[in-house]
Protein backbone atom coordinates (compact mmCIF):
# COMPACT_ATOMS: atom_id res chain seq x y z
CA MET A 1 30.04 -25.00 -19.96
CA ILE A 2 26.34 -25.87 -20.00
CA VAL A 3 23.95 -23.11 -18.93
CA ASP A 4 20.55 -23.92 -17.49
CA ALA A 5 18.39 -21.70 -19.69
CA ASN A 6 15.35 -21.87 -17.42
CA ARG A 7 17.39 -20.90 -14.38
CA TYR A 8 19.06 -18.08 -16.30
CA ASN A 9 15.72 -16.74 -17.52
CA ALA A 10 14.26 -16.91 -14.00
CA TYR A 11 17.26 -15.00 -12.64
CA GLY A 12 16.93 -12.42 -15.40
CA ASP A 13 13.23 -11.96 -14.73
CA SER A 14 13.88 -11.59 -11.00
CA MET A 15 16.58 -8.95 -11.55
CA PHE A 16 14.30 -7.09 -13.94
CA ASN A 17 11.63 -7.07 -11.23
CA VAL A 18 14.16 -5.66 -8.75
CA MET A 19 15.19 -2.78 -11.01
CA TYR A 20 11.71 -2.11 -12.31
CA GLY A 21 10.35 -2.43 -8.79
CA LEU A 22 12.64 0.39 -7.58
CA PHE A 23 11.44 2.53 -10.48
CA PHE A 24 7.85 1.58 -9.62
CA ILE A 25 8.31 2.68 -6.00
CA VAL A 26 9.96 5.99 -6.91
CA ILE A 27 7.20 6.83 -9.40
CA HIS A 28 4.50 6.25 -6.78
CA PHE A 29 6.27 8.36 -4.16
CA MET A 30 6.88 11.13 -6.69
CA LEU A 31 3.17 11.11 -7.50
CA VAL A 32 2.37 11.55 -3.80
CA VAL A 33 4.68 14.59 -3.72
CA LEU A 34 3.14 16.01 -6.91
CA PHE A 35 -0.36 15.52 -5.55
CA TYR A 36 0.64 17.41 -2.40
CA ARG A 37 2.30 20.16 -4.46
CA GLN A 38 -0.88 20.76 -6.42
CA PHE A 39 -3.63 21.06 -3.80
CA GLY A 40 -2.06 20.14 -0.47
CA LYS A 41 -4.14 18.20 2.01
CA LEU A 42 -7.09 17.71 -0.36
CA ASP A 43 -4.99 15.93 -2.97
CA LEU A 44 -3.41 13.72 -0.31
CA PHE A 45 -6.92 12.70 0.77
CA VAL A 46 -7.67 11.89 -2.88
CA TRP A 47 -4.44 9.92 -3.20
CA ILE A 48 -5.15 7.86 -0.08
CA ALA A 49 -8.65 6.94 -1.31
CA MET A 50 -7.40 6.11 -4.80
CA ALA A 51 -4.32 4.17 -3.64
CA SER A 52 -6.40 2.18 -1.15
CA ILE A 53 -8.62 0.96 -3.98
CA LEU A 54 -5.82 0.33 -6.49
CA ALA A 55 -3.72 -1.56 -3.94
CA ASN A 56 -6.60 -3.99 -3.45
CA ILE A 57 -6.71 -4.58 -7.21
CA GLN A 58 -2.97 -4.93 -7.66
CA VAL A 59 -2.68 -7.40 -4.79
CA VAL A 60 -4.03 -10.20 -7.01
CA LYS A 61 -0.88 -10.07 -9.18
CA ALA A 62 1.99 -12.08 -7.75
CA ILE A 63 5.61 -11.45 -8.73
CA GLU A 64 8.99 -12.79 -7.66
CA ILE A 65 11.88 -10.63 -6.45
CA VAL A 66 15.16 -12.41 -5.67
CA SER A 67 13.31 -15.61 -4.76
CA ILE A 68 10.75 -13.73 -2.65
CA GLN A 69 7.15 -13.95 -3.78
CA ALA A 70 5.32 -10.67 -3.42
CA THR A 71 2.31 -8.75 -4.67
CA LEU A 72 2.20 -5.39 -6.41
CA GLY A 73 -0.12 -3.90 -3.80
CA ASN A 74 2.73 -3.42 -1.32
CA THR A 75 4.08 -0.35 -3.12
CA LEU A 76 0.79 1.52 -3.33
CA TYR A 77 0.00 0.49 0.22
CA GLY A 78 3.35 1.93 1.33
CA SER A 79 2.53 5.19 -0.43
CA ILE A 80 -0.55 5.53 1.80
CA PHE A 81 1.70 5.53 4.87
CA LEU A 82 3.84 8.23 3.25
CA ALA A 83 0.75 10.35 2.55
CA THR A 84 -0.60 10.02 6.10
CA ASP A 85 2.84 10.87 7.51
CA ILE A 86 2.93 14.02 5.36
CA ILE A 87 -0.51 14.98 6.65
CA SER A 88 0.59 14.27 10.23
CA GLU A 89 3.71 16.39 9.77
CA LYS A 90 2.03 19.31 8.00
CA TYR A 91 -1.52 19.37 9.34
CA GLY A 92 -1.64 17.32 12.53
CA LYS A 93 -3.11 14.16 13.99
CA LYS A 94 -6.79 15.08 13.52
CA ASP A 95 -6.47 15.53 9.76
CA ALA A 96 -4.33 12.40 9.48
CA ASN A 97 -7.02 10.35 11.22
CA GLN A 98 -9.62 11.80 8.84
CA SER A 99 -7.51 10.63 5.90
CA VAL A 100 -7.46 7.10 7.34
CA VAL A 101 -11.25 7.10 7.57
CA ILE A 102 -11.48 8.28 3.95
CA GLY A 103 -9.21 5.46 2.82
CA LEU A 104 -11.16 2.89 4.82
CA LEU A 105 -14.50 4.06 3.40
CA ALA A 106 -13.06 4.02 -0.13
CA VAL A 107 -12.05 0.36 0.27
CA ILE A 108 -15.44 -0.59 1.71
CA VAL A 109 -17.30 1.12 -1.16
CA TYR A 110 -14.98 -0.52 -3.71
CA LEU A 111 -15.51 -3.98 -2.23
CA ILE A 112 -19.29 -3.63 -2.01
CA THR A 113 -19.81 -2.17 -5.48
CA MET A 114 -17.49 -4.62 -7.26
CA GLN A 115 -19.00 -7.63 -5.49
CA LEU A 116 -22.50 -6.49 -6.47
CA SER A 117 -21.43 -5.96 -10.08
CA LEU A 118 -20.49 -9.63 -10.38
CA PHE A 119 -24.15 -10.70 -10.13
CA PHE A 120 -25.14 -9.10 -13.43
CA GLU A 121 -25.53 -11.63 -16.23
CA PRO A 122 -23.11 -10.76 -19.05
CA ALA A 123 -24.22 -10.36 -22.64
CA ASN A 124 -24.16 -13.54 -24.70
CA ALA A 125 -21.05 -12.63 -26.65
CA SER A 126 -17.54 -14.05 -26.46
CA PHE A 127 -16.01 -10.70 -25.54
CA ALA A 128 -18.55 -10.05 -22.76
CA LEU A 129 -18.10 -13.56 -21.40
CA ALA A 130 -14.32 -13.12 -21.38
CA ILE A 131 -14.69 -9.86 -19.46
CA GLN A 132 -17.00 -11.58 -16.96
CA ALA A 133 -14.41 -14.32 -16.43
CA ALA A 134 -11.74 -11.67 -15.81
CA PHE A 135 -14.05 -9.86 -13.37
CA ASP A 136 -14.67 -13.10 -11.48
CA LEU A 137 -10.95 -13.85 -11.32
CA ILE A 138 -9.95 -10.41 -10.03
CA PHE A 139 -12.85 -9.33 -7.84
CA LYS A 140 -14.15 -12.55 -6.27
CA LEU A 141 -12.14 -12.12 -3.13
CA SER A 142 -12.64 -14.54 -0.28
CA PHE A 143 -14.51 -13.17 2.72
CA ARG A 144 -11.59 -14.04 5.00
CA ILE A 145 -9.11 -12.05 2.89
CA VAL A 146 -11.44 -9.04 2.78
CA ILE A 147 -11.94 -9.04 6.54
CA ALA A 148 -8.20 -9.45 7.14
CA SER A 149 -7.42 -6.55 4.82
CA LEU A 150 -9.95 -4.17 6.37
CA ILE A 151 -9.00 -4.93 9.98
CA ALA A 152 -5.27 -4.71 9.28
CA TYR A 153 -5.70 -1.45 7.36
CA ALA A 154 -7.78 0.26 10.04
CA ILE A 155 -5.61 -0.76 13.00
CA SER A 156 -2.23 -0.15 11.34
CA GLN A 157 -3.16 3.22 9.85
CA PHE A 158 -4.57 4.65 13.07
CA LEU A 159 -1.54 3.25 14.89
CA ASP A 160 0.78 4.94 12.39
CA VAL A 161 -0.88 8.30 12.98
CA SER A 162 -0.74 7.92 16.77
CA LEU A 163 2.90 6.79 16.77
CA TYR A 164 3.90 9.63 14.48
CA ALA A 165 2.24 12.19 16.75
CA TRP A 166 3.77 10.61 19.87
CA ILE A 167 7.31 10.53 18.45
CA LYS A 168 6.90 14.09 17.21
CA SER A 169 5.89 15.23 20.69
CA LYS A 170 8.97 13.63 22.24
CA LEU A 171 11.58 14.88 19.75
CA SER A 172 12.50 18.21 18.21
CA LEU A 173 9.99 19.41 15.62
CA ASP A 174 12.75 20.54 13.27
CA LYS A 175 14.92 17.46 13.67
CA HIS A 176 14.55 13.70 13.62
CA LEU A 177 11.96 13.68 10.85
CA TRP A 178 13.38 10.39 9.60
CA ILE A 179 12.86 8.82 13.04
CA ARG A 180 9.17 9.66 13.29
CA ASN A 181 8.60 8.80 9.64
CA ASN A 182 10.41 5.45 9.65
CA GLY A 183 9.64 4.55 13.24
CA SER A 184 5.88 4.99 12.95
CA THR A 185 5.69 3.33 9.53
CA MET A 186 7.90 0.33 10.29
CA ILE A 187 6.11 -0.47 13.55
CA SER A 188 2.62 -0.03 12.10
CA GLN A 189 3.54 -2.04 8.98
CA PHE A 190 4.77 -4.83 11.26
CA VAL A 191 1.40 -4.80 13.03
CA ASP A 192 -0.43 -4.62 9.70
CA THR A 193 1.43 -7.65 8.33
CA LEU A 194 0.97 -9.63 11.54
CA ILE A 195 -2.79 -9.01 11.65
CA PHE A 196 -3.38 -9.66 7.96
CA VAL A 197 -1.33 -12.86 7.77
CA SER A 198 -2.84 -14.19 11.01
CA ILE A 199 -6.44 -13.66 9.94
CA ALA A 200 -5.98 -14.58 6.28
CA PHE A 201 -3.73 -17.64 6.41
CA ILE A 202 -3.49 -19.29 9.83
CA GLY A 203 -5.12 -22.72 9.72
CA LEU A 204 -4.70 -23.04 5.96
CA GLU A 205 -2.02 -24.88 4.00
CA TYR A 206 0.41 -21.98 3.83
CA ASN A 207 3.82 -21.29 5.32
CA VAL A 208 2.55 -18.42 7.46
CA ILE A 209 5.97 -17.51 8.88
CA HIS A 210 7.51 -17.34 5.40
CA ILE A 211 4.65 -15.17 4.12
CA PHE A 212 4.97 -12.86 7.12
CA ILE A 213 8.75 -12.43 6.87
CA SER A 214 8.87 -11.92 3.09
CA THR A 215 5.96 -9.46 3.13
CA TYR A 216 7.35 -7.42 6.01
CA VAL A 217 10.87 -7.28 4.55
CA LEU A 218 9.47 -5.71 1.38
CA LYS A 219 7.35 -3.25 3.35
CA PHE A 220 10.40 -2.39 5.48
CA ILE A 221 12.46 -1.59 2.37
CA ILE A 222 9.65 0.50 0.89
CA ALA A 223 9.39 2.45 4.17
CA ILE A 224 13.10 3.31 4.01
CA ILE A 225 12.83 4.47 0.39
CA ASP A 226 10.03 6.92 1.21
CA THR A 227 12.29 8.93 3.59
CA PRO A 228 13.74 11.39 1.01
CA PHE A 229 10.25 12.12 -0.25
CA ILE A 230 8.86 13.27 3.09
CA TYR A 231 11.92 15.52 3.44
CA LEU A 232 11.12 16.90 -0.02
CA THR A 233 7.57 17.79 1.02
CA LYS A 234 8.95 19.75 3.99
CA LYS A 235 10.39 22.21 1.44
CA ILE A 236 7.26 22.40 -0.70
CA THR A 237 4.36 24.83 -0.37
CA PRO A 238 1.17 23.63 -2.14
CA LYS A 239 -0.01 25.80 -5.02
CA LYS A 240 -3.48 25.96 -3.51
CA GLU A 241 -5.16 24.79 -0.31
CA PHE A 242 -8.92 24.27 -0.34
CA PHE A 243 -9.33 23.78 3.41
């Protein structure tokens, strides 16, 4: 029997990405819980700002999971929805909306400062020139992608907070946590993906429908995985609350 080595290696790499990807997701969600355990709402605000920036850096790395091309930013981006849902559940809609604004401002500051940093002339040394090339590769985002990301983030996050509050008002406060968590996240992630893909890729030489479906399927799975973690935070009292 002749084995196609390239096909076998590709399958092995894809399966590694599946298993490691699950580990990657769990680690991020556990970090959200640990942040909340330490300082409550303040640390969740910090996490949202930090994750918003890191997700925009990770998004430049493409991977393949069972024949689906994806980016690393989806996991960190999903953790932001978990954090805002925890804030909505524990502190209310007003604080959750404030966390969205913090995340949005963090992304804007990151984009402005990193774009400005690219204009500095690097030192005339091979190492400095290599670093400059890496900076250009990672941080020279197209204007269209940046606009798509910011608009999708703002609309989907505020929608998530509003949906969570609405579902919570219609159902028992002590029950159906999984419905308000998953329902608000899955709908808002659908809107997020639709807006981003439409602005970023329509009119270009991309299979927009394929990108939309594959991206949303991954976000849908990540949203399901975060469910046990929001239940865990219901049982946790932060060590210290600053405000």
